[in-house]
Protein backbone atom coordinates (compact mmCIF):
# COMPACT_ATOMS: atom_id res chain seq x y z
CA UNK A 1 -28.84 42.92 -22.92
CA UNK A 2 -31.67 41.10 -21.24
CA UNK A 3 -31.22 39.05 -18.08
CA UNK A 4 -31.74 35.88 -20.12
CA UNK A 5 -29.00 36.89 -22.60
CA UNK A 6 -26.58 37.69 -19.76
CA UNK A 7 -27.25 34.30 -18.16
CA UNK A 8 -26.68 32.56 -21.49
CA UNK A 9 -23.36 34.40 -22.01
CA UNK A 10 -22.14 33.59 -18.49
CA UNK A 11 -23.12 29.94 -18.89
CA UNK A 12 -21.27 29.79 -22.21
CA UNK A 13 -18.07 31.14 -20.64
CA UNK A 14 -18.30 28.87 -17.63
CA UNK A 15 -18.71 25.77 -19.76
CA UNK A 16 -15.56 26.39 -21.82
CA UNK A 17 -12.81 24.07 -20.43
CA UNK A 18 -9.98 25.98 -22.15
CA UNK A 19 -10.58 29.03 -19.98
CA UNK A 20 -9.99 26.93 -16.87
CA UNK A 21 -6.92 24.82 -17.70
CA UNK A 22 -5.26 26.64 -20.58
CA UNK A 23 -2.41 27.71 -18.29
CA UNK A 24 -1.44 24.14 -17.29
CA UNK A 25 2.02 23.27 -18.72
CA UNK A 26 2.86 19.88 -20.19
CA UNK A 27 4.72 17.70 -17.68
CA UNK A 28 7.97 16.20 -18.99
CA UNK A 29 7.75 12.44 -19.63
CA UNK A 30 9.14 10.04 -17.04
CA UNK A 31 12.54 9.00 -18.47
CA UNK A 32 12.12 5.31 -17.66
CA UNK A 33 8.47 4.97 -18.70
CA UNK A 34 9.25 6.95 -21.86
CA UNK A 35 11.88 4.35 -22.78
CA UNK A 36 9.22 1.65 -22.75
CA UNK A 37 7.02 3.74 -25.06
CA UNK A 38 9.88 4.26 -27.54
CA UNK A 39 10.79 0.57 -27.39
CA UNK A 40 7.21 -0.39 -28.21
CA UNK A 41 7.26 1.78 -31.36
CA UNK A 42 10.62 0.45 -32.58
CA UNK A 43 10.14 -2.02 -35.47
CA UNK A 44 13.69 -3.42 -35.38
CA UNK A 45 13.90 -7.20 -34.81
CA UNK A 46 17.07 -6.58 -32.79
CA UNK A 47 15.54 -4.18 -30.27
CA UNK A 48 16.31 -4.74 -26.58
CA UNK A 49 14.66 -3.10 -23.56
CA UNK A 50 17.13 -2.75 -20.68
CA UNK A 51 15.21 0.04 -18.96
CA UNK A 52 12.25 -1.75 -17.40
CA UNK A 53 12.70 -2.70 -13.75
CA UNK A 54 10.88 -6.01 -14.02
CA UNK A 55 12.07 -9.59 -14.22
CA UNK A 56 12.02 -11.29 -17.61
CA UNK A 57 12.69 -14.96 -18.28
CA UNK A 58 15.32 -16.39 -20.64
CA UNK A 59 12.98 -15.72 -23.56
CA UNK A 60 12.45 -12.09 -22.61
CA UNK A 61 8.88 -12.64 -21.40
CA UNK A 62 7.17 -11.74 -18.10
CA UNK A 63 7.25 -14.71 -15.69
CA UNK A 64 4.39 -15.65 -13.42
CA UNK A 65 6.01 -17.44 -10.51
CA UNK A 66 4.82 -21.05 -10.05
CA UNK A 67 4.20 -20.27 -6.36
CA UNK A 68 1.90 -17.43 -7.43
CA UNK A 69 0.05 -19.67 -9.90
CA UNK A 70 -0.56 -22.23 -7.16
CA UNK A 71 -1.74 -19.58 -4.68
CA UNK A 72 -3.91 -18.09 -7.42
CA UNK A 73 -5.60 -21.45 -8.01
CA UNK A 74 -6.25 -21.82 -4.29
CA UNK A 75 -7.91 -18.43 -4.10
CA UNK A 76 -10.10 -19.05 -7.13
CA UNK A 77 -11.34 -22.31 -5.62
CA UNK A 78 -11.77 -21.08 -2.04
CA UNK A 79 -15.49 -20.44 -1.39
CA UNK A 80 -14.66 -18.36 1.72
CA UNK A 81 -12.89 -15.69 -0.34
CA UNK A 82 -14.99 -12.61 -1.08
CA UNK A 83 -14.53 -9.06 -2.29
CA UNK A 84 -15.44 -7.18 0.88
CA UNK A 85 -13.39 -4.23 2.09
CA UNK A 86 -10.21 -4.95 4.01
CA UNK A 87 -9.57 -2.98 7.22
CA UNK A 88 -7.70 0.31 6.84
CA UNK A 89 -4.51 -1.43 8.00
CA UNK A 90 -4.96 -4.09 5.33
CA UNK A 91 -4.97 -7.85 5.65
CA UNK A 92 -3.70 -8.58 9.17
CA UNK A 93 -2.25 -12.01 8.35
CA UNK A 94 -0.36 -10.53 5.38
CA UNK A 95 1.05 -7.72 7.55
CA UNK A 96 2.24 -10.23 10.14
CA UNK A 97 3.83 -12.51 7.53
CA UNK A 98 5.50 -9.59 5.75
CA UNK A 99 6.96 -8.33 9.05
CA UNK A 100 8.23 -11.82 9.86
CA UNK A 101 9.92 -12.04 6.46
CA UNK A 102 11.63 -8.68 6.97
CA UNK A 103 12.60 -8.83 10.65
CA UNK A 104 12.92 -12.55 11.38
CA UNK A 105 13.48 -13.37 15.04
CA UNK A 106 13.78 -9.75 16.18
CA UNK A 107 13.15 -8.38 19.66
CA UNK A 108 10.93 -5.58 18.34
CA UNK A 109 8.67 -8.10 16.62
CA UNK A 110 8.43 -10.35 19.65
CA UNK A 111 7.61 -7.38 21.88
CA UNK A 112 4.87 -6.03 19.61
CA UNK A 113 6.75 -2.81 18.86
CA UNK A 114 6.58 -3.04 15.06
CA UNK A 115 3.60 -1.31 13.44
CA UNK A 116 2.82 -2.89 10.06
CA UNK A 117 0.37 -1.46 7.54
CA UNK A 118 -0.44 -2.76 4.08
CA UNK A 119 0.45 -0.28 1.32
CA UNK A 120 0.21 0.17 -2.43
CA UNK A 121 3.46 -1.68 -3.06
CA UNK A 122 6.80 -0.02 -2.29
CA UNK A 123 5.80 3.31 -3.81
CA UNK A 124 2.82 3.53 -1.48
CA UNK A 125 4.96 2.52 1.48
CA UNK A 126 7.44 5.31 0.69
CA UNK A 127 4.58 7.77 0.38
CA UNK A 128 2.88 6.72 3.63
CA UNK A 129 6.18 6.69 5.49
CA UNK A 130 7.12 10.14 4.16
CA UNK A 131 3.72 11.62 5.07
CA UNK A 132 3.95 10.15 8.55
CA UNK A 133 7.42 11.43 9.40
CA UNK A 134 6.64 14.85 7.89
CA UNK A 135 3.78 15.17 10.37
CA UNK A 136 5.20 13.50 13.44
CA UNK A 137 8.99 13.11 13.38
CA UNK A 138 10.89 15.72 15.40
CA UNK A 139 13.33 16.92 12.75
CA UNK A 140 16.47 18.76 13.93
CA UNK A 141 15.76 21.68 11.57
CA UNK A 142 12.65 23.51 10.36
CA UNK A 143 13.30 22.41 6.80
CA UNK A 144 12.27 18.81 7.56
CA UNK A 145 15.11 17.44 5.47
CA UNK A 146 15.46 13.84 4.35
CA UNK A 147 18.91 12.83 3.09
CA UNK A 148 18.75 10.66 -0.03
CA UNK A 149 21.68 8.78 -1.54
CA UNK A 150 23.21 10.01 -4.79
CA UNK A 151 22.08 8.36 -7.00
CA UNK A 152 18.74 6.84 -6.04
CA UNK A 153 15.46 5.73 -7.57
CA UNK A 154 14.29 8.96 -9.24
CA UNK A 155 10.76 8.65 -7.86
CA UNK A 156 12.12 9.12 -4.33
CA UNK A 157 12.51 12.84 -5.06
CA UNK A 158 8.92 13.23 -6.22
CA UNK A 159 7.48 11.19 -3.34
CA UNK A 160 9.42 13.02 -0.63
CA UNK A 161 8.78 16.43 -2.16
CA UNK A 162 5.04 15.81 -2.46
CA UNK A 163 5.00 14.79 1.20
CA UNK A 164 6.43 18.18 2.18
CA UNK A 165 10.00 17.08 2.88
CA UNK A 166 13.13 18.88 1.73
CA UNK A 167 15.39 16.45 -0.13
CA UNK A 168 19.16 16.68 0.14
CA UNK A 169 21.64 14.26 -1.41
CA UNK A 170 24.46 12.48 0.38
CA UNK A 171 27.42 10.75 -1.36
CA UNK A 172 26.96 7.09 -2.22
CA UNK A 173 28.38 6.04 -5.60
CA UNK A 174 31.90 6.76 -6.86
CA UNK A 175 31.67 7.07 -10.66
CA UNK A 176 35.46 6.89 -11.00
CA UNK A 177 35.88 3.55 -9.24
CA UNK A 178 32.35 2.31 -10.08
CA UNK A 179 31.96 1.31 -6.44
CA UNK A 180 30.58 2.48 -3.10
CA UNK A 181 31.93 5.80 -1.84
CA UNK A 182 31.99 4.61 1.77
CA UNK A 183 34.12 7.54 2.94
CA UNK A 184 31.78 10.07 1.36
CA UNK A 185 28.75 8.24 2.73
CA UNK A 186 30.09 8.23 6.29
CA UNK A 187 31.13 11.86 5.96
CA UNK A 188 27.58 12.75 4.91
CA UNK A 189 26.15 10.84 7.86
CA UNK A 190 28.55 12.43 10.34
CA UNK A 191 28.13 15.99 9.06
CA UNK A 192 24.32 16.00 9.15
CA UNK A 193 22.62 17.43 12.26
CA UNK A 194 21.97 14.90 15.02
CA UNK A 195 18.65 13.14 14.57
CA UNK A 196 18.49 13.55 10.79
CA UNK A 197 16.50 11.23 8.52
CA UNK A 198 18.45 9.20 5.95
CA UNK A 199 16.94 7.09 3.19
CA UNK A 200 18.79 3.79 2.72
CA UNK A 201 18.35 1.00 0.16
CA UNK A 202 18.15 -2.26 2.12
CA UNK A 203 19.74 -4.30 -0.70
CA UNK A 204 20.15 -4.36 -4.50
CA UNK A 205 20.65 -0.60 -4.72
CA UNK A 206 18.61 1.04 -7.47
CA UNK A 207 20.08 2.21 -9.82
CA UNK A 208 23.74 1.36 -9.24
CA UNK A 209 23.62 -2.25 -8.04
CA UNK A 210 26.30 -1.29 -5.51
CA UNK A 211 25.60 -2.46 -1.93
CA UNK A 212 27.69 -1.97 1.22
CA UNK A 213 29.46 -5.07 2.48
CA UNK A 214 28.39 -6.46 5.88
CA UNK A 215 31.36 -4.72 7.50
CA UNK A 216 30.45 -1.42 5.81
CA UNK A 217 26.85 -1.80 7.01
CA UNK A 218 28.21 -2.14 10.54
CA UNK A 219 30.20 1.06 10.07
CA UNK A 220 27.10 2.85 8.83
CA UNK A 221 25.00 1.53 11.72
CA UNK A 222 27.64 2.68 14.24
CA UNK A 223 27.61 6.17 12.69
CA UNK A 224 23.78 6.29 12.79
CA UNK A 225 23.73 5.27 16.43
CA UNK A 226 26.35 7.86 17.38
CA UNK A 227 24.44 10.62 15.58
CA UNK A 228 20.95 9.47 16.71
CA UNK A 229 19.79 9.41 13.09
CA UNK A 230 16.54 7.91 11.78
CA UNK A 231 16.79 5.22 9.06
CA UNK A 232 14.18 5.29 6.29
CA UNK A 233 14.75 1.90 4.59
CA UNK A 234 13.42 1.11 1.13
CA UNK A 235 13.40 -2.65 0.51
CA UNK A 236 12.14 -3.41 -3.00
CA UNK A 237 14.33 -6.42 -3.85
CA UNK A 238 14.52 -8.72 -0.82
CA UNK A 239 15.80 -12.05 -2.15
CA UNK A 240 17.00 -10.68 -5.48
CA UNK A 241 20.62 -10.26 -4.36
CA UNK A 242 21.41 -13.71 -3.01
CA UNK A 243 18.27 -15.77 -3.58
CA UNK A 244 17.81 -15.83 0.21
CA UNK A 245 15.35 -13.30 1.76
CA UNK A 246 16.98 -13.70 5.19
CA UNK A 247 20.42 -12.86 3.82
CA UNK A 248 19.08 -9.80 2.01
CA UNK A 249 17.47 -8.48 5.21
CA UNK A 250 20.89 -8.17 6.87
CA UNK A 251 20.98 -4.37 6.96
CA UNK A 252 17.43 -3.97 8.28
CA UNK A 253 17.96 -6.55 11.02
CA UNK A 254 21.33 -5.07 11.96
CA UNK A 255 19.81 -1.61 12.43
CA UNK A 256 16.85 -3.01 14.39
CA UNK A 257 19.12 -4.97 16.75
CA UNK A 258 21.27 -1.84 17.20
CA UNK A 259 18.29 0.11 18.52
CA UNK A 260 18.31 2.64 15.67
CA UNK A 261 14.92 4.33 15.12
CA UNK A 262 13.63 3.33 11.73
CA UNK A 263 10.89 2.41 9.32
CA UNK A 264 10.96 -0.01 6.39
CA UNK A 265 9.14 0.20 3.05
CA UNK A 266 8.58 -3.30 1.66
CA UNK A 267 7.50 -4.36 -1.83
CA UNK A 268 6.44 -7.71 -3.29
CA UNK A 269 6.39 -6.45 -6.87
CA UNK A 270 9.74 -7.93 -7.80
CA UNK A 271 10.31 -10.92 -5.52
CA UNK A 272 6.79 -12.27 -6.10
CA UNK A 273 6.37 -10.93 -9.64
CA UNK A 274 3.20 -9.11 -8.54
CA UNK A 275 3.95 -5.85 -10.31
CA UNK A 276 0.35 -4.92 -11.09
CA UNK A 277 -1.16 -6.13 -7.81
CA UNK A 278 0.56 -3.43 -5.69
CA UNK A 279 1.30 -5.60 -2.66
CA UNK A 280 3.49 -3.88 -0.09
CA UNK A 281 3.84 -2.91 3.54
CA UNK A 282 5.19 -0.18 5.77
CA UNK A 283 6.80 -1.20 9.06
CA UNK A 284 7.54 1.38 11.77
CA UNK A 285 9.67 0.49 14.79
CA UNK A 286 8.40 2.00 18.05
CA UNK A 287 9.67 2.06 21.63
CA UNK A 288 6.70 0.31 23.29
CA UNK A 289 3.19 -0.97 22.64
CA UNK A 290 1.58 2.30 23.77
CA UNK A 291 3.61 4.22 21.20
CA UNK A 292 2.83 1.54 18.60
CA UNK A 293 -0.91 2.04 19.08
CA UNK A 294 -0.60 5.80 18.62
CA UNK A 295 1.55 5.45 15.49
CA UNK A 296 -0.86 2.93 14.02
CA UNK A 297 -3.81 5.24 14.60
CA UNK A 298 -2.11 8.05 12.71
CA UNK A 299 -1.19 5.78 9.79
CA UNK A 300 -4.88 4.82 9.71
CA UNK A 301 -5.83 8.47 9.49
CA UNK A 302 -3.50 9.16 6.55
CA UNK A 303 -4.65 6.04 4.71
CA UNK A 304 -8.32 6.84 5.28
CA UNK A 305 -7.92 10.29 3.72
CA UNK A 306 -6.20 8.94 0.60
CA UNK A 307 -7.73 5.61 -0.43
CA UNK A 308 -9.54 4.28 2.68
CA UNK A 309 -8.76 0.57 2.24
CA UNK A 310 -6.00 -1.18 0.28
CA UNK A 311 -6.60 -3.78 -2.45
CA UNK A 312 -7.00 -7.40 -1.38
CA UNK A 313 -6.11 -9.84 -4.14
CA UNK A 314 -2.32 -9.49 -4.33
CA UNK A 315 -1.77 -9.60 -0.57
CA UNK A 316 -3.95 -12.69 -0.28
CA UNK A 317 -1.58 -14.39 -2.70
CA UNK A 318 1.47 -13.28 -0.73
CA UNK A 319 -0.08 -14.26 2.59
CA UNK A 320 -0.65 -17.80 1.37
CA UNK A 321 2.85 -18.05 -0.07
CA UNK A 322 4.48 -16.88 3.15
CA UNK A 323 2.36 -18.95 5.56
CA UNK A 324 1.91 -22.30 3.79
CA UNK A 325 5.10 -24.41 3.97
CA UNK A 326 4.70 -25.99 0.52
CA UNK A 327 4.06 -22.66 -1.18
CA UNK A 328 6.90 -21.02 0.76
CA UNK A 329 9.30 -23.75 -0.39
CA UNK A 330 8.19 -23.21 -4.00
CA UNK A 331 8.59 -19.44 -3.66
CA UNK A 332 12.09 -19.85 -2.22
CA UNK A 333 12.97 -21.94 -5.27
CA UNK A 334 11.42 -19.33 -7.58
CA UNK A 335 13.51 -16.55 -6.02
CA UNK A 336 16.64 -18.63 -6.53
CA UNK A 337 15.66 -19.09 -10.18
CA UNK A 338 15.28 -15.34 -10.72
CA UNK A 339 18.38 -14.27 -8.81
CA UNK A 340 20.40 -17.09 -10.35
CA UNK A 341 19.47 -16.09 -13.91
CA UNK A 342 20.43 -12.48 -13.19
CA UNK A 343 23.80 -13.56 -11.78
CA UNK A 344 24.31 -15.75 -14.87
CA UNK A 345 23.66 -12.75 -17.14
CA UNK A 346 26.17 -10.67 -15.19
CA UNK A 347 28.81 -13.35 -15.63
CA UNK A 348 28.02 -13.79 -19.34
CA UNK A 349 28.18 -10.05 -20.09
CA UNK A 350 31.45 -9.76 -18.20
CA UNK A 351 32.88 -12.72 -20.13
CA UNK A 352 31.82 -11.32 -23.51
CA UNK A 353 33.28 -7.87 -22.86
CA UNK A 354 36.48 -9.17 -21.28
CA UNK A 355 37.30 -12.23 -23.35
CA UNK A 356 35.40 -12.18 -26.66
CA UNK A 357 35.44 -8.48 -27.50
CA UNK A 358 38.34 -7.47 -25.21
CA UNK A 359 36.58 -4.17 -24.62
CA UNK A 360 38.92 -1.50 -23.20
CA UNK A 361 38.71 -0.96 -19.44
CA UNK A 362 37.81 -3.18 -16.52
CA UNK A 363 34.34 -4.73 -16.35
CA UNK A 364 34.70 -6.33 -12.92
CA UNK A 365 32.01 -4.00 -11.59
CA UNK A 366 29.36 -5.88 -13.58
CA UNK A 367 29.88 -9.06 -11.54
CA UNK A 368 30.49 -7.28 -8.23
CA UNK A 369 27.26 -5.28 -8.39
CA UNK A 370 24.10 -6.82 -6.91
CA UNK A 371 20.49 -7.30 -7.83
CA UNK A 372 18.51 -6.33 -10.89
CA UNK A 373 20.41 -3.23 -11.98
CA UNK A 374 23.92 -2.38 -13.10
CA UNK A 375 25.71 0.86 -13.86
CA UNK A 376 27.77 0.13 -16.97
CA UNK A 377 29.96 3.19 -16.59
CA UNK A 378 29.22 4.66 -20.03
CA UNK A 379 28.20 8.25 -20.69
CA UNK A 380 24.86 9.68 -21.97
CA UNK A 381 26.17 10.13 -25.53
CA UNK A 382 27.22 6.48 -25.66
CA UNK A 383 23.83 5.43 -24.29
CA UNK A 384 22.09 7.49 -26.96
CA UNK A 385 24.14 5.85 -29.70
CA UNK A 386 23.22 2.40 -28.38
CA UNK A 387 19.58 3.42 -28.66
CA UNK A 388 19.78 5.14 -32.04
CA UNK A 389 22.00 2.66 -33.84
CA UNK A 390 21.81 -0.53 -31.81
CA UNK A 391 18.11 -0.30 -30.87
CA UNK A 392 19.11 -0.95 -27.24
CA UNK A 393 17.04 1.07 -24.79
CA UNK A 394 18.67 2.03 -21.48
CA UNK A 395 18.60 4.96 -19.09
CA UNK A 396 21.03 7.73 -20.05
CA UNK A 397 22.92 7.25 -16.77
CA UNK A 398 24.15 3.92 -18.12
CA UNK A 399 21.86 1.92 -15.85
CA UNK A 400 20.62 -1.35 -17.30
CA UNK A 401 18.24 -4.01 -16.02
CA UNK A 402 20.17 -7.28 -16.02
CA UNK A 403 16.85 -9.13 -16.26
CA UNK A 404 16.41 -7.63 -19.73
CA UNK A 405 19.38 -9.67 -20.96
CA UNK A 406 18.96 -13.23 -22.21
CA UNK A 407 20.88 -15.74 -24.33
CA UNK A 408 19.23 -14.37 -27.47
CA UNK A 409 20.27 -10.73 -27.07
CA UNK A 410 23.30 -10.56 -24.77
CA UNK A 411 25.89 -10.79 -27.56
CA UNK A 412 24.14 -7.99 -29.46
CA UNK A 413 24.27 -5.82 -26.32
CA UNK A 414 27.93 -6.65 -25.61
CA UNK A 415 28.88 -5.88 -29.22
CA UNK A 416 27.30 -2.42 -28.97
CA UNK A 417 28.87 -1.66 -25.61
CA UNK A 418 32.20 -2.49 -27.20
CA UNK A 419 31.45 -0.24 -30.21
CA UNK A 420 30.48 2.81 -28.20
CA UNK A 421 33.39 2.41 -25.78
CA UNK A 422 35.82 2.22 -28.73
CA UNK A 423 33.84 4.92 -30.58
CA UNK A 424 34.00 2.57 -33.55
């Protein structure tokens, strides 16, 4: 074979993609995103999507908040707005406003000890926070373990694992009582090595909808302080529990005032309806301004290596909403509208199951749970039947998005819950 023929053969082999990636296995579909795909293909006029973690109005449609529309109009008509890069830390005025919303009148904020960086929504905040503590937190064991509540948002496991952390579950939800397992939670906190990292949902726990009471939060904070643990807060639904962002920041502010080392992942996807704009922030509490400067520099380094600068449009909307009194008042009203409709759907579903259909069992947990999600307390087989026969799409754990319910579909959903519970 001539040199030219050999070169041609080698080039032919090198240019064949199948020889490079033929060994790559197919990744299993995301269970929640896969629900949306199946829902889209369903031709039934009675179909209902209770899997998506996004607010829907009383007609089942996405809702652009009036405060966002007003801020959007301002931006479009502001000649000073451009499309230049933001700094690595993001929009400084957004970071300051987001920190104020989360921490209120806190000592750490007044003293300049809170490091705030713009992130790609809450997911990006979790990722940046996980990468940072993996590199710089002094874990009590070589495994660099983060304790995550059971259950939790499934993506927590992927994010923490990709960051190099070992994930271990701690008790949170009691499936028998459909309520918080406070004894198991405190046992998990007390049995972990001193100085361990625990992930906590600040409010509107995803997926169970079960939050600690204020008194239980104080118990948890006392246990953290005694064990010198680090709190990794995920706050994706501030305002969605009560309609009041200050009220829903209770746990974060309690831990900060207790001197517990912590960081907070903050998202504006839900409470501002900016799902596709990826507006979020990571806040890290430090001991002093010197430490804050060092922490900030390392967050810069991680961000620079991954995407350099964050997107600008969504955070400019949020910054205006949080800093302009008229827009803030409108946003506060919008949050009350969203949280109020969700509470109304909880009460309606409870009433239908309890009084109209007289479904066996107690359904009190539906109205006692908080935020967007609810654990119905039905098993995977019952969930599958609701999908197959009732065209109602929900996660197989029995988790539903209350925002997916509306006056036009709630009776259909209640009827099918009753059927599968009775096995009728």
